[in-house]
Amino acid sequence: MTAIRTEGLSKRYGETLALDTLQLEVQPGEVYGYLGPNGSGKTTTIRLLLGLHRPSAGRGFLFGIDAWHDPVEAHRRVAYVAGEPFLWPSLTSTETFAYLANLHGSTDTAYRDELVERFQLDVSKKVRALSKGNRQKVQLVAAFATRADLLLLDEPSSGLDPLMEVAFRQTVLEAKERGQTVFLSSHILSEVEALCDRVGILRKGKLVDEGTLAELRHLGAQTVEITFAGAPPELALPGVHVAQAGANALRCEVTGSIGPLIDALAHHEVVALSSREPSLEEIFLHHYDGSDGRVGA
């Protein structure tokens, strides 16, 4: 049984189509990265899966349970972290943990204590005295401590400093090792690249591509950097975009086979050559090039 399944899931707010016929399946134990700029429909998807918003069309299922028609049952195996942490300002973190644990029905208190140490959280302070980053830590600790089968994380590292981002990544990997499913909505490309088994790319409410990182590499050109003994030659090859990269160096973006470039270089004195696959950022930007596809902050 899939952890998440959607069938033509759509949401319209007035004239705005926020999510357009989403077809998605996430398998148990998978870390799935849901990528897109602000306004692409990531948060709308999660709200529909949580039964917080009613679909305009289609259906969403969590472990086979309809998220809108039976949200209480659907939530039993789920924990959620919002991108904007709205908590009870007069409660301390300890009191918040107790309340959320009672609401969810279960929590691993020993693991929760371990996470409090890991995230360096002062649990005696009232929520109103916490920074956004520390309020985000409260959400993260509470969610991961449930050991829920499915973690729905909406921009979960928002507000965290680099050290705490490392702690977050460690915690996600621990969840994966335990067989938990993680649905990670993010626009932090390095985070998704480090953690996720598969990635879906969302643009203007539509899922425009999906696959493992290896499967998505085909969307980007291979980068080849070449250093010559003297001035670099002029190269004009189909599928190869050439740019100067120094006094004696060229950077080539190669789409398709690298063979013609290698053949052309055989006639010149090359002292160094390196190549690399496209990064997730380059793959992502492939879908957002052009005047109407600017990546949001």
C-alpha atoms as a PDB file:
ATOM      1  CA  MET A   1       0.000   0.000   0.000  1.00  0.00           C
ATOM      2  CA  THR A   2       1.316   3.428  -0.905  1.00  0.00           C
ATOM      3  CA  ALA A   3       2.007   5.962   1.847  1.00  0.00           C
ATOM      4  CA  ILE A   4       0.665   8.809  -0.327  1.00  0.00           C
ATOM      5  CA  ARG A   5      -1.472   8.521  -3.437  1.00  0.00           C
ATOM      6  CA  THR A   6      -3.301  11.256  -5.298  1.00  0.00           C
ATOM      7  CA  GLU A   7      -5.766  10.886  -8.167  1.00  0.00           C
ATOM      8  CA  GLY A   8      -6.216  14.024 -10.236  1.00  0.00           C
ATOM      9  CA  LEU A   9      -5.937  16.139  -7.086  1.00  0.00           C
ATOM     10  CA  SER A  10      -6.747  19.784  -7.849  1.00  0.00           C
ATOM     11  CA  LYS A  11      -7.397  22.949  -5.891  1.00  0.00           C
ATOM     12  CA  ARG A  12      -8.721  26.250  -7.147  1.00  0.00           C
ATOM     13  CA  TYR A  13      -8.937  29.434  -5.075  1.00  0.00           C
ATOM     14  CA  GLY A  14     -11.263  31.684  -7.027  1.00  0.00           C
ATOM     15  CA  GLU A  15      -9.622  32.239 -10.410  1.00  0.00           C
ATOM     16  CA  THR A  16      -6.297  30.801  -9.257  1.00  0.00           C
ATOM     17  CA  LEU A  17      -5.559  27.146 -10.019  1.00  0.00           C
ATOM     18  CA  ALA A  18      -3.137  26.323  -7.201  1.00  0.00           C
ATOM     19  CA  LEU A  19      -2.865  22.580  -7.913  1.00  0.00           C
ATOM     20  CA  ASP A  20      -3.656  20.990 -11.247  1.00  0.00           C
ATOM     21  CA  THR A  21      -4.617  17.271 -11.498  1.00  0.00           C
ATOM     22  CA  LEU A  22      -1.762  15.973  -9.365  1.00  0.00           C
ATOM     23  CA  GLN A  23      -0.962  12.290  -9.884  1.00  0.00           C
ATOM     24  CA  LEU A  24       1.499  11.229  -7.205  1.00  0.00           C
ATOM     25  CA  GLU A  25       2.569   8.063  -5.431  1.00  0.00           C
ATOM     26  CA  VAL A  26       5.028   7.887  -2.520  1.00  0.00           C
ATOM     27  CA  GLN A  27       6.058   4.459  -1.268  1.00  0.00           C
ATOM     28  CA  PRO A  28       6.455   3.439   2.402  1.00  0.00           C
ATOM     29  CA  GLY A  29       9.980   4.057   3.679  1.00  0.00           C
ATOM     30  CA  GLU A  30      10.750   6.560   0.933  1.00  0.00           C
ATOM     31  CA  VAL A  31      12.131  10.073   1.380  1.00  0.00           C
ATOM     32  CA  TYR A  32      10.393  12.071  -1.336  1.00  0.00           C
ATOM     33  CA  GLY A  33      11.505  15.595  -2.187  1.00  0.00           C
ATOM     34  CA  TYR A  34       8.787  17.958  -3.377  1.00  0.00           C
ATOM     35  CA  LEU A  35      10.494  20.857  -5.118  1.00  0.00           C
ATOM     36  CA  GLY A  36       9.180  24.158  -6.337  1.00  0.00           C
ATOM     37  CA  PRO A  37       9.449  27.905  -5.772  1.00  0.00           C
ATOM     38  CA  ASN A  38       7.107  29.775  -3.476  1.00  0.00           C
ATOM     39  CA  GLY A  39       3.597  29.756  -4.918  1.00  0.00           C
ATOM     40  CA  SER A  40       4.059  26.585  -6.976  1.00  0.00           C
ATOM     41  CA  GLY A  41       1.522  24.565  -4.948  1.00  0.00           C
ATOM     42  CA  LYS A  42       3.658  22.672  -2.433  1.00  0.00           C
ATOM     43  CA  THR A  43       1.842  23.865   0.698  1.00  0.00           C
ATOM     44  CA  THR A  44      -1.539  23.487  -1.018  1.00  0.00           C
ATOM     45  CA  THR A  45      -0.707  19.824  -1.685  1.00  0.00           C
ATOM     46  CA  ILE A  46       0.116  19.184   1.977  1.00  0.00           C
ATOM     47  CA  ARG A  47      -3.029  20.969   3.201  1.00  0.00           C
ATOM     48  CA  LEU A  48      -5.125  18.803   0.887  1.00  0.00           C
ATOM     49  CA  LEU A  49      -3.368  15.643   2.137  1.00  0.00           C
ATOM     50  CA  LEU A  50      -4.075  16.721   5.721  1.00  0.00           C
ATOM     51  CA  GLY A  51      -7.747  17.354   4.971  1.00  0.00           C
ATOM     52  CA  LEU A  52      -7.365  21.015   5.919  1.00  0.00           C
ATOM     53  CA  HIS A  53      -8.630  22.163   2.526  1.00  0.00           C
ATOM     54  CA  ARG A  54     -11.294  20.509   0.391  1.00  0.00           C
ATOM     55  CA  PRO A  55     -10.171  19.433  -3.087  1.00  0.00           C
ATOM     56  CA  SER A  56     -11.787  21.150  -6.036  1.00  0.00           C
ATOM     57  CA  ALA A  57     -11.382  17.860  -7.885  1.00  0.00           C
ATOM     58  CA  GLY A  58      -9.698  14.510  -7.370  1.00  0.00           C
ATOM     59  CA  ARG A  59      -8.750  12.680  -4.189  1.00  0.00           C
ATOM     60  CA  GLY A  60      -5.770  12.225  -1.888  1.00  0.00           C
ATOM     61  CA  PHE A  61      -5.050   9.109   0.180  1.00  0.00           C
ATOM     62  CA  LEU A  62      -2.739   8.418   3.132  1.00  0.00           C
ATOM     63  CA  PHE A  63      -2.093   4.699   3.510  1.00  0.00           C
ATOM     64  CA  GLY A  64      -5.259   4.066   1.503  1.00  0.00           C
ATOM     65  CA  ILE A  65      -7.470   6.354   3.612  1.00  0.00           C
ATOM     66  CA  ASP A  66      -9.218   9.285   1.948  1.00  0.00           C
ATOM     67  CA  ALA A  67      -7.672  12.407   3.494  1.00  0.00           C
ATOM     68  CA  TRP A  68     -10.786  14.556   3.099  1.00  0.00           C
ATOM     69  CA  HIS A  69     -13.574  12.087   3.919  1.00  0.00           C
ATOM     70  CA  ASP A  70     -11.853  10.377   6.874  1.00  0.00           C
ATOM     71  CA  PRO A  71      -9.190  12.801   8.186  1.00  0.00           C
ATOM     72  CA  VAL A  72      -9.175  11.495  11.778  1.00  0.00           C
ATOM     73  CA  GLU A  73      -8.285   7.972  10.669  1.00  0.00           C
ATOM     74  CA  ALA A  74      -5.843   9.286   8.050  1.00  0.00           C
ATOM     75  CA  HIS A  75      -3.984  11.316  10.701  1.00  0.00           C
ATOM     76  CA  ARG A  76      -3.323   8.389  13.044  1.00  0.00           C
ATOM     77  CA  ARG A  77      -0.108   7.472  11.235  1.00  0.00           C
ATOM     78  CA  VAL A  78       0.981  11.004  10.316  1.00  0.00           C
ATOM     79  CA  ALA A  79       2.997  13.845  11.867  1.00  0.00           C
ATOM     80  CA  TYR A  80       3.181  17.305  10.320  1.00  0.00           C
ATOM     81  CA  VAL A  81       5.623  20.206  10.442  1.00  0.00           C
ATOM     82  CA  ALA A  82       4.406  23.537   9.052  1.00  0.00           C
ATOM     83  CA  GLY A  83       6.627  26.036   7.290  1.00  0.00           C
ATOM     84  CA  GLU A  84       5.377  28.782   9.614  1.00  0.00           C
ATOM     85  CA  PRO A  85       5.354  27.594  13.249  1.00  0.00           C
ATOM     86  CA  PHE A  86       2.122  28.799  14.876  1.00  0.00           C
ATOM     87  CA  LEU A  87       2.167  27.468  18.445  1.00  0.00           C
ATOM     88  CA  TRP A  88       0.535  28.387  21.742  1.00  0.00           C
ATOM     89  CA  PRO A  89       2.490  31.434  22.992  1.00  0.00           C
ATOM     90  CA  SER A  90       1.760  30.971  26.710  1.00  0.00           C
ATOM     91  CA  LEU A  91       2.985  27.354  26.829  1.00  0.00           C
ATOM     92  CA  THR A  92       6.571  26.282  27.344  1.00  0.00           C
ATOM     93  CA  SER A  93       8.167  23.816  24.934  1.00  0.00           C
ATOM     94  CA  THR A  94       7.749  21.060  27.538  1.00  0.00           C
ATOM     95  CA  GLU A  95       4.038  21.824  27.861  1.00  0.00           C
ATOM     96  CA  THR A  96       3.702  21.970  24.086  1.00  0.00           C
ATOM     97  CA  PHE A  97       5.327  18.548  23.746  1.00  0.00           C
ATOM     98  CA  ALA A  98       2.953  17.075  26.325  1.00  0.00           C
ATOM     99  CA  TYR A  99      -0.098  18.557  24.630  1.00  0.00           C
ATOM    100  CA  LEU A 100       0.918  17.429  21.134  1.00  0.00           C
ATOM    101  CA  ALA A 101       1.865  13.949  22.361  1.00  0.00           C
ATOM    102  CA  ASN A 102      -1.570  13.594  23.944  1.00  0.00           C
ATOM    103  CA  LEU A 103      -3.210  14.898  20.777  1.00  0.00           C
ATOM    104  CA  HIS A 104      -1.333  12.479  18.550  1.00  0.00           C
ATOM    105  CA  GLY A 105      -1.713   9.570  20.924  1.00  0.00           C
ATOM    106  CA  SER A 106       1.895   8.422  21.127  1.00  0.00           C
ATOM    107  CA  THR A 107       5.431   9.690  21.494  1.00  0.00           C
ATOM    108  CA  ASP A 108       8.877   8.243  22.167  1.00  0.00           C
ATOM    109  CA  THR A 109       9.891  10.312  25.188  1.00  0.00           C
ATOM    110  CA  ALA A 110      13.482   9.021  25.270  1.00  0.00           C
ATOM    111  CA  TYR A 111      13.981   9.968  21.634  1.00  0.00           C
ATOM    112  CA  ARG A 112      12.280  13.302  22.257  1.00  0.00           C
ATOM    113  CA  ASP A 113      14.805  14.063  25.005  1.00  0.00           C
ATOM    114  CA  GLU A 114      17.617  13.084  22.639  1.00  0.00           C
ATOM    115  CA  LEU A 115      16.263  15.450  19.984  1.00  0.00           C
ATOM    116  CA  VAL A 116      15.955  18.300  22.488  1.00  0.00           C
ATOM    117  CA  GLU A 117      19.686  17.941  23.160  1.00  0.00           C
ATOM    118  CA  ARG A 118      20.518  17.590  19.491  1.00  0.00           C
ATOM    119  CA  PHE A 119      18.599  20.743  18.543  1.00  0.00           C
ATOM    120  CA  GLN A 120      19.920  22.625  21.604  1.00  0.00           C
ATOM    121  CA  LEU A 121      16.423  23.688  22.640  1.00  0.00           C
ATOM    122  CA  ASP A 122      15.693  25.405  25.963  1.00  0.00           C
ATOM    123  CA  VAL A 123      12.390  23.744  26.841  1.00  0.00           C
ATOM    124  CA  SER A 124      11.701  25.948  29.883  1.00  0.00           C
ATOM    125  CA  LYS A 125      11.022  29.097  27.850  1.00  0.00           C
ATOM    126  CA  LYS A 126       7.536  30.064  26.805  1.00  0.00           C
ATOM    127  CA  VAL A 127       6.888  29.880  23.071  1.00  0.00           C
ATOM    128  CA  ARG A 128       6.350  33.644  22.897  1.00  0.00           C
ATOM    129  CA  ALA A 129      10.000  34.116  23.930  1.00  0.00           C
ATOM    130  CA  LEU A 130      11.372  31.852  21.200  1.00  0.00           C
ATOM    131  CA  SER A 131      12.781  32.929  17.853  1.00  0.00           C
ATOM    132  CA  LYS A 132      11.278  31.515  14.668  1.00  0.00           C
ATOM    133  CA  GLY A 133      14.130  29.034  14.425  1.00  0.00           C
ATOM    134  CA  ASN A 134      13.540  27.764  17.960  1.00  0.00           C
ATOM    135  CA  ARG A 135       9.788  27.518  17.386  1.00  0.00           C
ATOM    136  CA  GLN A 136      10.601  25.455  14.317  1.00  0.00           C
ATOM    137  CA  LYS A 137      12.727  23.191  16.511  1.00  0.00           C
ATOM    138  CA  VAL A 138       9.730  22.638  18.809  1.00  0.00           C
ATOM    139  CA  GLN A 139       7.689  21.451  15.826  1.00  0.00           C
ATOM    140  CA  LEU A 140      10.476  19.206  14.567  1.00  0.00           C
ATOM    141  CA  VAL A 141      11.142  17.567  17.932  1.00  0.00           C
ATOM    142  CA  ALA A 142       7.431  16.954  18.539  1.00  0.00           C
ATOM    143  CA  ALA A 143       6.877  15.491  15.057  1.00  0.00           C
ATOM    144  CA  PHE A 144       9.891  13.187  14.911  1.00  0.00           C
ATOM    145  CA  ALA A 145       9.325  11.976  18.483  1.00  0.00           C
ATOM    146  CA  THR A 146       5.962  10.502  17.445  1.00  0.00           C
ATOM    147  CA  ARG A 147       7.820   7.970  15.282  1.00  0.00           C
ATOM    148  CA  ALA A 148       4.885   8.408  12.864  1.00  0.00           C
ATOM    149  CA  ASP A 149       4.818   6.212   9.773  1.00  0.00           C
ATOM    150  CA  LEU A 150       4.527   9.312   7.578  1.00  0.00           C
ATOM    151  CA  LEU A 151       6.146  12.699   8.182  1.00  0.00           C
ATOM    152  CA  LEU A 152       4.724  15.593   6.151  1.00  0.00           C
ATOM    153  CA  LEU A 153       7.362  18.342   6.305  1.00  0.00           C
ATOM    154  CA  ASP A 154       6.591  21.718   4.742  1.00  0.00           C
ATOM    155  CA  GLU A 155       9.791  23.796   4.465  1.00  0.00           C
ATOM    156  CA  PRO A 156      10.935  22.192   7.760  1.00  0.00           C
ATOM    157  CA  SER A 157      14.383  23.784   8.011  1.00  0.00           C
ATOM    158  CA  SER A 158      13.070  27.333   7.580  1.00  0.00           C
ATOM    159  CA  GLY A 159      14.720  29.532  10.203  1.00  0.00           C
ATOM    160  CA  LEU A 160      17.353  26.980  11.213  1.00  0.00           C
ATOM    161  CA  ASP A 161      21.012  27.961  11.283  1.00  0.00           C
ATOM    162  CA  PRO A 162      23.547  25.779   9.391  1.00  0.00           C
ATOM    163  CA  LEU A 163      24.440  23.714  12.476  1.00  0.00           C
ATOM    164  CA  MET A 164      20.771  22.920  13.118  1.00  0.00           C
ATOM    165  CA  GLU A 165      20.271  22.064   9.444  1.00  0.00           C
ATOM    166  CA  VAL A 166      22.881  19.338   9.948  1.00  0.00           C
ATOM    167  CA  ALA A 167      20.925  18.103  12.984  1.00  0.00           C
ATOM    168  CA  PHE A 168      17.736  18.097  10.899  1.00  0.00           C
ATOM    169  CA  ARG A 169      19.324  16.050   8.134  1.00  0.00           C
ATOM    170  CA  GLN A 170      20.625  13.530  10.666  1.00  0.00           C
ATOM    171  CA  THR A 171      17.128  13.179  12.096  1.00  0.00           C
ATOM    172  CA  VAL A 172      15.567  12.595   8.673  1.00  0.00           C
ATOM    173  CA  LEU A 173      18.126   9.900   7.908  1.00  0.00           C
ATOM    174  CA  GLU A 174      17.326   8.205  11.243  1.00  0.00           C
ATOM    175  CA  ALA A 175      13.641   8.218  10.319  1.00  0.00           C
ATOM    176  CA  LYS A 176      14.491   6.664   6.968  1.00  0.00           C
ATOM    177  CA  GLU A 177      16.557   3.944   8.651  1.00  0.00           C
ATOM    178  CA  ARG A 178      13.521   3.091  10.796  1.00  0.00           C
ATOM    179  CA  GLY A 179      11.392   2.681   7.666  1.00  0.00           C
ATOM    180  CA  GLN A 180       9.383   5.870   8.114  1.00  0.00           C
ATOM    181  CA  THR A 181       8.156   7.741   5.053  1.00  0.00           C
ATOM    182  CA  VAL A 182       9.193  11.380   4.689  1.00  0.00           C
ATOM    183  CA  PHE A 183       7.475  13.826   2.320  1.00  0.00           C
ATOM    184  CA  LEU A 184       9.811  16.812   2.234  1.00  0.00           C
ATOM    185  CA  SER A 185       8.511  19.983   0.629  1.00  0.00           C
ATOM    186  CA  SER A 186      11.396  22.379   0.092  1.00  0.00           C
ATOM    187  CA  HIS A 187      13.092  24.868  -2.180  1.00  0.00           C
ATOM    188  CA  ILE A 188      16.496  24.217  -0.575  1.00  0.00           C
ATOM    189  CA  LEU A 189      18.093  22.167  -3.323  1.00  0.00           C
ATOM    190  CA  SER A 190      21.109  20.937  -1.364  1.00  0.00           C
ATOM    191  CA  GLU A 191      18.798  19.610   1.353  1.00  0.00           C
ATOM    192  CA  VAL A 192      16.724  17.613  -1.110  1.00  0.00           C
ATOM    193  CA  GLU A 193      19.787  16.344  -2.938  1.00  0.00           C
ATOM    194  CA  ALA A 194      21.339  15.093   0.316  1.00  0.00           C
ATOM    195  CA  LEU A 195      18.240  13.351   1.674  1.00  0.00           C
ATOM    196  CA  CYS A 196      15.778  12.240  -0.961  1.00  0.00           C
ATOM    197  CA  ASP A 197      15.325   8.973  -2.832  1.00  0.00           C
ATOM    198  CA  ARG A 198      13.072  10.567  -5.428  1.00  0.00           C
ATOM    199  CA  VAL A 199      12.215  14.123  -6.395  1.00  0.00           C
ATOM    200  CA  GLY A 200       9.117  15.704  -7.888  1.00  0.00           C
ATOM    201  CA  ILE A 201       9.371  19.140  -9.491  1.00  0.00           C
ATOM    202  CA  LEU A 202       6.284  21.339  -9.278  1.00  0.00           C
ATOM    203  CA  ARG A 203       5.662  24.324 -11.529  1.00  0.00           C
ATOM    204  CA  LYS A 204       2.539  26.497 -11.392  1.00  0.00           C
ATOM    205  CA  GLY A 205       0.564  23.729  -9.714  1.00  0.00           C
ATOM    206  CA  LYS A 206       1.629  20.962 -12.088  1.00  0.00           C
ATOM    207  CA  LEU A 207       4.091  18.142 -11.503  1.00  0.00           C
ATOM    208  CA  VAL A 208       6.425  18.709 -14.445  1.00  0.00           C
ATOM    209  CA  ASP A 209       8.991  15.998 -13.729  1.00  0.00           C
ATOM    210  CA  GLU A 210       9.670  13.210 -11.276  1.00  0.00           C
ATOM    211  CA  GLY A 211      12.261  10.536 -10.646  1.00  0.00           C
ATOM    212  CA  THR A 212      15.436   9.619  -8.850  1.00  0.00           C
ATOM    213  CA  LEU A 213      18.343  12.024  -9.145  1.00  0.00           C
ATOM    214  CA  ALA A 214      19.986   9.620 -11.584  1.00  0.00           C
ATOM    215  CA  GLU A 215      16.848   9.576 -13.737  1.00  0.00           C
ATOM    216  CA  LEU A 216      16.615  13.375 -13.739  1.00  0.00           C
ATOM    217  CA  ARG A 217      20.219  13.987 -14.734  1.00  0.00           C
ATOM    218  CA  HIS A 218      19.180  13.754 -18.393  1.00  0.00           C
ATOM    219  CA  LEU A 219      17.570  17.191 -18.094  1.00  0.00           C
ATOM    220  CA  GLY A 220      20.874  18.999 -17.652  1.00  0.00           C
ATOM    221  CA  ALA A 221      23.925  19.329 -19.820  1.00  0.00           C
ATOM    222  CA  GLN A 222      27.206  17.801 -18.713  1.00  0.00           C
ATOM    223  CA  THR A 223      29.823  20.400 -17.776  1.00  0.00           C
ATOM    224  CA  VAL A 224      33.323  19.879 -19.173  1.00  0.00           C
ATOM    225  CA  GLU A 225      36.169  22.209 -18.198  1.00  0.00           C
ATOM    226  CA  ILE A 226      39.299  22.135 -20.349  1.00  0.00           C
ATOM    227  CA  THR A 227      42.685  23.792 -19.786  1.00  0.00           C
ATOM    228  CA  PHE A 228      45.033  24.127 -22.751  1.00  0.00           C
ATOM    229  CA  ALA A 229      48.807  24.604 -22.946  1.00  0.00           C
ATOM    230  CA  GLY A 230      48.252  27.869 -24.820  1.00  0.00           C
ATOM    231  CA  ALA A 231      45.352  29.964 -26.008  1.00  0.00           C
ATOM    232  CA  PRO A 232      42.172  27.922 -26.322  1.00  0.00           C
ATOM    233  CA  PRO A 233      40.861  27.101 -29.804  1.00  0.00           C
ATOM    234  CA  GLU A 234      37.509  28.133 -31.191  1.00  0.00           C
ATOM    235  CA  LEU A 235      35.108  25.218 -30.925  1.00  0.00           C
ATOM    236  CA  ALA A 236      31.817  25.124 -32.819  1.00  0.00           C
ATOM    237  CA  LEU A 237      30.027  21.820 -32.282  1.00  0.00           C
ATOM    238  CA  PRO A 238      26.319  20.936 -32.282  1.00  0.00           C
ATOM    239  CA  GLY A 239      24.983  20.433 -28.752  1.00  0.00           C
ATOM    240  CA  VAL A 240      27.991  22.156 -27.174  1.00  0.00           C
ATOM    241  CA  HIS A 241      27.812  25.622 -25.617  1.00  0.00           C
ATOM    242  CA  VAL A 242      31.332  27.061 -25.119  1.00  0.00           C
ATOM    243  CA  ALA A 243      32.377  29.840 -22.723  1.00  0.00           C
ATOM    244  CA  GLN A 244      35.745  31.262 -21.754  1.00  0.00           C
ATOM    245  CA  ALA A 245      36.825  30.086 -18.290  1.00  0.00           C
ATOM    246  CA  GLY A 246      40.247  31.732 -18.014  1.00  0.00           C
ATOM    247  CA  ALA A 247      43.182  32.770 -20.170  1.00  0.00           C
ATOM    248  CA  ASN A 248      43.827  29.199 -21.331  1.00  0.00           C
ATOM    249  CA  ALA A 249      40.584  27.480 -20.400  1.00  0.00           C
ATOM    250  CA  LEU A 250      37.089  26.772 -21.736  1.00  0.00           C
ATOM    251  CA  ARG A 251      33.909  25.601 -20.056  1.00  0.00           C
ATOM    252  CA  CYS A 252      31.647  23.507 -22.277  1.00  0.00           C
ATOM    253  CA  GLU A 253      28.028  22.599 -21.557  1.00  0.00           C
ATOM    254  CA  VAL A 254      27.416  19.412 -23.502  1.00  0.00           C
ATOM    255  CA  THR A 255      23.961  18.104 -24.367  1.00  0.00           C
ATOM    256  CA  GLY A 256      24.061  14.538 -25.615  1.00  0.00           C
ATOM    257  CA  SER A 257      27.211  12.563 -26.337  1.00  0.00           C
ATOM    258  CA  ILE A 258      30.577  13.957 -25.259  1.00  0.00           C
ATOM    259  CA  GLY A 259      32.289  12.028 -28.102  1.00  0.00           C
ATOM    260  CA  PRO A 260      32.377  14.841 -30.721  1.00  0.00           C
ATOM    261  CA  LEU A 261      33.981  17.198 -28.189  1.00  0.00           C
ATOM    262  CA  ILE A 262      36.663  14.647 -27.307  1.00  0.00           C
ATOM    263  CA  ASP A 263      37.366  14.103 -31.004  1.00  0.00           C
ATOM    264  CA  ALA A 264      37.731  17.860 -31.548  1.00  0.00           C
ATOM    265  CA  LEU A 265      40.116  18.186 -28.584  1.00  0.00           C
ATOM    266  CA  ALA A 266      42.410  15.477 -29.974  1.00  0.00           C
ATOM    267  CA  HIS A 267      43.934  18.081 -32.299  1.00  0.00           C
ATOM    268  CA  HIS A 268      44.901  20.443 -29.446  1.00  0.00           C
ATOM    269  CA  GLU A 269      47.325  20.309 -26.523  1.00  0.00           C
ATOM    270  CA  VAL A 270      45.118  19.737 -23.472  1.00  0.00           C
ATOM    271  CA  VAL A 271      46.801  19.851 -20.047  1.00  0.00           C
ATOM    272  CA  ALA A 272      43.716  19.255 -17.885  1.00  0.00           C
ATOM    273  CA  LEU A 273      40.127  18.130 -18.392  1.00  0.00           C
ATOM    274  CA  SER A 274      37.344  17.563 -15.904  1.00  0.00           C
ATOM    275  CA  SER A 275      33.658  16.748 -16.284  1.00  0.00           C
ATOM    276  CA  ARG A 276      30.708  16.538 -13.906  1.00  0.00           C
ATOM    277  CA  GLU A 277      27.027  15.701 -14.003  1.00  0.00           C
ATOM    278  CA  PRO A 278      24.413  18.437 -13.530  1.00  0.00           C
ATOM    279  CA  SER A 279      23.493  19.266  -9.959  1.00  0.00           C
ATOM    280  CA  LEU A 280      19.917  19.176  -8.736  1.00  0.00           C
ATOM    281  CA  GLU A 281      19.945  22.976  -8.893  1.00  0.00           C
ATOM    282  CA  GLU A 282      20.754  22.869 -12.596  1.00  0.00           C
ATOM    283  CA  ILE A 283      18.009  20.295 -13.172  1.00  0.00           C
ATOM    284  CA  PHE A 284      15.540  22.410 -11.226  1.00  0.00           C
ATOM    285  CA  LEU A 285      16.424  25.596 -13.086  1.00  0.00           C
ATOM    286  CA  HIS A 286      15.897  23.759 -16.365  1.00  0.00           C
ATOM    287  CA  HIS A 287      12.176  24.011 -15.553  1.00  0.00           C
ATOM    288  CA  TYR A 288      12.349  27.643 -14.466  1.00  0.00           C
ATOM    289  CA  ASP A 289      14.329  29.304 -17.206  1.00  0.00           C
ATOM    290  CA  GLY A 290      12.562  32.022 -19.147  1.00  0.00           C
ATOM    291  CA  SER A 291      10.727  35.142 -18.132  1.00  0.00           C
ATOM    292  CA  ASP A 292       7.747  33.381 -16.521  1.00  0.00           C
ATOM    293  CA  GLY A 293       9.688  30.767 -14.599  1.00  0.00           C
ATOM    294  CA  ARG A 294      11.757  32.778 -12.177  1.00  0.00           C
ATOM    295  CA  VAL A 295      12.523  30.898  -8.988  1.00  0.00           C
ATOM    296  CA  GLY A 296      11.010  32.550  -5.932  1.00  0.00           C
ATOM    297  CA  ALA A 297      12.998  33.465  -2.843  1.00  0.00           C
END
